[in-house]
């Protein structure tokens, strides 16, 4: 990657992003094994991708069908 303003992604960065999209809960060691880099190298690259805004966050997807509650409240706020 070149700079945090306009990052250039190489093949390793692209593979890291693909693996994190599949499973963002991977340890850095496992991610490193999957993309054939050391854990410190992967950690550094992920931090740079986060700093550059390429990775903007991590989310949990909730399967509402698995919840035991029968009523749900949805709140919407206007900005």
N, C-alpha and C. Protein backbone atom coordinates (compact mmCIF):
# COMPACT_ATOMS: atom_id res chain seq x y z
N UNK A 1 0.84 -1.17 0.00
CA UNK A 1 0.00 0.00 0.00
C UNK A 1 0.89 1.23 0.00
N UNK A 2 0.49 2.26 -0.74
CA UNK A 2 1.31 3.45 -0.86
C UNK A 2 1.11 4.43 0.29
N UNK A 3 -0.07 4.96 0.43
CA UNK A 3 -0.34 5.92 1.49
C UNK A 3 -1.72 5.66 2.06
N UNK A 4 -2.00 6.30 3.19
CA UNK A 4 -3.32 6.12 3.77
C UNK A 4 -4.38 6.89 3.00
N UNK A 5 -3.99 7.85 2.18
CA UNK A 5 -4.97 8.62 1.41
C UNK A 5 -5.43 7.88 0.17
N UNK A 6 -4.53 7.17 -0.49
CA UNK A 6 -4.87 6.46 -1.71
C UNK A 6 -4.13 5.12 -1.72
N UNK A 7 -4.63 4.16 -0.97
CA UNK A 7 -3.90 2.90 -0.85
C UNK A 7 -3.91 2.10 -2.16
N UNK A 8 -2.78 1.50 -2.45
CA UNK A 8 -2.69 0.57 -3.57
C UNK A 8 -2.67 -0.83 -2.98
N UNK A 9 -3.63 -1.63 -3.38
CA UNK A 9 -3.73 -2.98 -2.83
C UNK A 9 -2.96 -3.95 -3.70
N UNK A 10 -2.13 -4.77 -3.07
CA UNK A 10 -1.43 -5.81 -3.82
C UNK A 10 -2.19 -7.13 -3.65
N UNK A 11 -1.62 -8.19 -4.19
CA UNK A 11 -2.29 -9.50 -4.16
C UNK A 11 -2.52 -9.99 -2.72
N UNK A 12 -1.55 -9.74 -1.84
CA UNK A 12 -1.71 -10.16 -0.44
C UNK A 12 -2.86 -9.41 0.23
N UNK A 13 -2.92 -8.09 0.00
CA UNK A 13 -4.01 -7.30 0.59
C UNK A 13 -5.36 -7.80 0.09
N UNK A 14 -5.45 -8.09 -1.19
CA UNK A 14 -6.69 -8.57 -1.78
C UNK A 14 -7.10 -9.90 -1.17
N UNK A 15 -6.14 -10.79 -0.95
CA UNK A 15 -6.45 -12.09 -0.33
C UNK A 15 -6.85 -11.92 1.13
N UNK A 16 -6.18 -11.01 1.83
CA UNK A 16 -6.54 -10.73 3.23
C UNK A 16 -7.99 -10.25 3.30
N UNK A 17 -8.35 -9.32 2.43
CA UNK A 17 -9.71 -8.80 2.42
C UNK A 17 -10.72 -9.90 2.10
N UNK A 18 -10.39 -10.75 1.15
CA UNK A 18 -11.31 -11.84 0.79
C UNK A 18 -11.52 -12.79 1.96
N UNK A 19 -10.45 -13.12 2.66
CA UNK A 19 -10.57 -14.03 3.82
C UNK A 19 -11.35 -13.38 4.95
N UNK A 20 -11.12 -12.09 5.20
CA UNK A 20 -11.86 -11.41 6.26
C UNK A 20 -13.33 -11.25 5.92
N UNK A 21 -13.64 -11.13 4.63
CA UNK A 21 -15.05 -11.05 4.24
C UNK A 21 -15.75 -12.39 4.49
N UNK A 22 -15.01 -13.48 4.34
CA UNK A 22 -15.59 -14.80 4.62
C UNK A 22 -15.76 -15.02 6.11
N UNK A 23 -14.75 -14.60 6.90
CA UNK A 23 -14.78 -14.82 8.34
C UNK A 23 -13.91 -13.77 9.03
N UNK A 24 -14.53 -12.72 9.52
CA UNK A 24 -13.80 -11.62 10.16
C UNK A 24 -13.31 -11.98 11.55
N UNK A 25 -13.68 -13.16 12.04
CA UNK A 25 -13.26 -13.57 13.38
C UNK A 25 -11.98 -14.41 13.36
N UNK A 26 -11.35 -14.54 12.23
CA UNK A 26 -10.11 -15.30 12.14
C UNK A 26 -9.04 -14.67 13.03
N UNK A 27 -8.22 -15.49 13.64
CA UNK A 27 -7.05 -14.95 14.33
C UNK A 27 -6.05 -14.50 13.28
N UNK A 28 -5.15 -13.62 13.67
CA UNK A 28 -4.13 -13.16 12.73
C UNK A 28 -3.23 -14.33 12.31
N UNK A 29 -3.01 -15.28 13.21
CA UNK A 29 -2.19 -16.46 12.87
C UNK A 29 -2.88 -17.29 11.79
N UNK A 30 -4.18 -17.54 11.96
CA UNK A 30 -4.92 -18.33 10.96
C UNK A 30 -5.02 -17.57 9.65
N UNK A 31 -5.27 -16.28 9.72
CA UNK A 31 -5.32 -15.46 8.51
C UNK A 31 -3.99 -15.53 7.78
N UNK A 32 -2.90 -15.45 8.52
CA UNK A 32 -1.57 -15.56 7.93
C UNK A 32 -1.36 -16.89 7.22
N UNK A 33 -1.81 -17.97 7.84
CA UNK A 33 -1.68 -19.29 7.20
C UNK A 33 -2.46 -19.32 5.89
N UNK A 34 -3.65 -18.75 5.90
CA UNK A 34 -4.49 -18.79 4.70
C UNK A 34 -3.95 -17.96 3.54
N UNK A 35 -3.24 -16.88 3.87
CA UNK A 35 -2.71 -16.01 2.80
C UNK A 35 -1.20 -16.16 2.62
N UNK A 36 -0.62 -17.11 3.34
CA UNK A 36 0.81 -17.44 3.22
C UNK A 36 1.71 -16.27 3.61
N UNK A 37 1.37 -15.65 4.75
CA UNK A 37 2.21 -14.61 5.35
C UNK A 37 2.35 -14.91 6.83
N UNK A 38 3.37 -14.33 7.46
CA UNK A 38 3.53 -14.51 8.90
C UNK A 38 2.46 -13.72 9.65
N UNK A 39 2.24 -14.11 10.89
CA UNK A 39 1.25 -13.41 11.72
C UNK A 39 1.60 -11.93 11.88
N UNK A 40 2.87 -11.57 12.16
CA UNK A 40 3.19 -10.14 12.27
C UNK A 40 2.96 -9.37 10.96
N UNK A 41 3.27 -10.00 9.83
CA UNK A 41 3.07 -9.33 8.53
C UNK A 41 1.59 -9.10 8.27
N UNK A 42 0.76 -10.09 8.59
CA UNK A 42 -0.69 -9.95 8.39
C UNK A 42 -1.25 -8.88 9.33
N UNK A 43 -0.81 -8.89 10.57
CA UNK A 43 -1.28 -7.90 11.54
C UNK A 43 -0.96 -6.49 11.06
N UNK A 44 0.26 -6.29 10.58
CA UNK A 44 0.66 -4.97 10.07
C UNK A 44 -0.19 -4.56 8.87
N UNK A 45 -0.43 -5.48 7.96
CA UNK A 45 -1.24 -5.16 6.78
C UNK A 45 -2.69 -4.84 7.15
N UNK A 46 -3.26 -5.61 8.07
CA UNK A 46 -4.64 -5.35 8.49
C UNK A 46 -4.73 -3.98 9.15
N UNK A 47 -3.77 -3.64 10.00
CA UNK A 47 -3.77 -2.32 10.64
C UNK A 47 -3.67 -1.20 9.61
N UNK A 48 -2.85 -1.40 8.57
CA UNK A 48 -2.73 -0.39 7.51
C UNK A 48 -4.02 -0.28 6.72
N UNK A 49 -4.67 -1.41 6.45
CA UNK A 49 -5.95 -1.39 5.73
C UNK A 49 -7.01 -0.68 6.56
N UNK A 50 -6.99 -0.87 7.87
CA UNK A 50 -7.93 -0.17 8.75
C UNK A 50 -7.64 1.33 8.77
N UNK A 51 -6.35 1.69 8.91
CA UNK A 51 -5.97 3.11 8.95
C UNK A 51 -6.31 3.83 7.66
N UNK A 52 -6.21 3.12 6.53
CA UNK A 52 -6.51 3.71 5.23
C UNK A 52 -8.01 3.78 4.96
N UNK A 53 -8.80 3.17 5.83
CA UNK A 53 -10.24 3.18 5.63
C UNK A 53 -10.74 2.11 4.68
N UNK A 54 -9.85 1.24 4.23
CA UNK A 54 -10.25 0.14 3.36
C UNK A 54 -11.12 -0.83 4.16
N UNK A 55 -10.70 -1.12 5.38
CA UNK A 55 -11.53 -1.88 6.32
C UNK A 55 -12.14 -0.84 7.25
N UNK A 56 -13.45 -0.70 7.17
CA UNK A 56 -14.12 0.35 7.95
C UNK A 56 -14.74 -0.18 9.24
N UNK A 57 -14.77 -1.47 9.42
CA UNK A 57 -15.33 -2.03 10.64
C UNK A 57 -15.63 -3.50 10.49
N UNK A 58 -16.09 -4.07 11.58
CA UNK A 58 -16.45 -5.48 11.64
C UNK A 58 -17.86 -5.55 12.20
N UNK A 59 -18.68 -6.41 11.66
CA UNK A 59 -20.08 -6.46 12.05
C UNK A 59 -20.52 -7.88 12.38
N UNK A 60 -21.53 -7.95 13.22
CA UNK A 60 -22.18 -9.22 13.51
C UNK A 60 -23.51 -9.24 12.77
N UNK A 61 -23.80 -10.32 12.08
CA UNK A 61 -25.09 -10.48 11.42
C UNK A 61 -25.95 -11.35 12.32
N UNK A 62 -27.10 -10.81 12.70
CA UNK A 62 -27.98 -11.50 13.64
C UNK A 62 -29.08 -12.21 12.86
N UNK A 63 -29.26 -13.49 13.15
CA UNK A 63 -30.35 -14.26 12.57
C UNK A 63 -31.54 -14.12 13.52
N UNK A 64 -32.47 -13.24 13.17
CA UNK A 64 -33.60 -12.97 14.05
C UNK A 64 -34.47 -14.20 14.27
N UNK A 65 -34.47 -15.13 13.34
CA UNK A 65 -35.25 -16.36 13.48
C UNK A 65 -34.75 -17.24 14.62
N UNK A 66 -33.53 -17.07 15.03
CA UNK A 66 -32.95 -17.88 16.11
C UNK A 66 -33.23 -17.30 17.50
N UNK A 67 -33.73 -16.08 17.54
CA UNK A 67 -34.02 -15.46 18.83
C UNK A 67 -35.31 -16.02 19.40
N UNK A 68 -35.42 -16.10 20.70
CA UNK A 68 -36.58 -16.68 21.36
C UNK A 68 -37.72 -15.69 21.54
N UNK A 69 -37.45 -14.42 21.38
CA UNK A 69 -38.49 -13.41 21.60
C UNK A 69 -39.47 -13.40 20.43
N UNK A 70 -40.72 -13.15 20.74
CA UNK A 70 -41.73 -13.12 19.68
C UNK A 70 -42.06 -11.71 19.22
N UNK A 71 -41.66 -10.70 20.00
CA UNK A 71 -41.92 -9.31 19.62
C UNK A 71 -40.61 -8.57 19.45
N UNK A 72 -40.57 -7.70 18.46
CA UNK A 72 -39.37 -6.92 18.20
C UNK A 72 -39.76 -5.46 18.10
N UNK A 73 -38.90 -4.61 18.56
CA UNK A 73 -39.09 -3.18 18.44
C UNK A 73 -38.05 -2.65 17.47
N UNK A 74 -38.50 -1.86 16.53
CA UNK A 74 -37.59 -1.24 15.57
C UNK A 74 -37.64 0.25 15.80
N UNK A 75 -36.49 0.86 16.00
CA UNK A 75 -36.41 2.29 16.23
C UNK A 75 -35.69 2.93 15.05
N UNK A 76 -36.22 4.05 14.63
CA UNK A 76 -35.59 4.78 13.54
C UNK A 76 -35.48 6.23 13.97
N UNK A 77 -34.33 6.80 13.80
CA UNK A 77 -34.17 8.20 14.15
C UNK A 77 -33.86 9.00 12.91
N UNK A 78 -34.38 10.19 12.84
CA UNK A 78 -34.11 11.09 11.72
C UNK A 78 -32.91 11.94 12.07
N UNK A 79 -32.01 12.08 11.14
CA UNK A 79 -30.81 12.89 11.40
C UNK A 79 -30.99 14.28 10.89
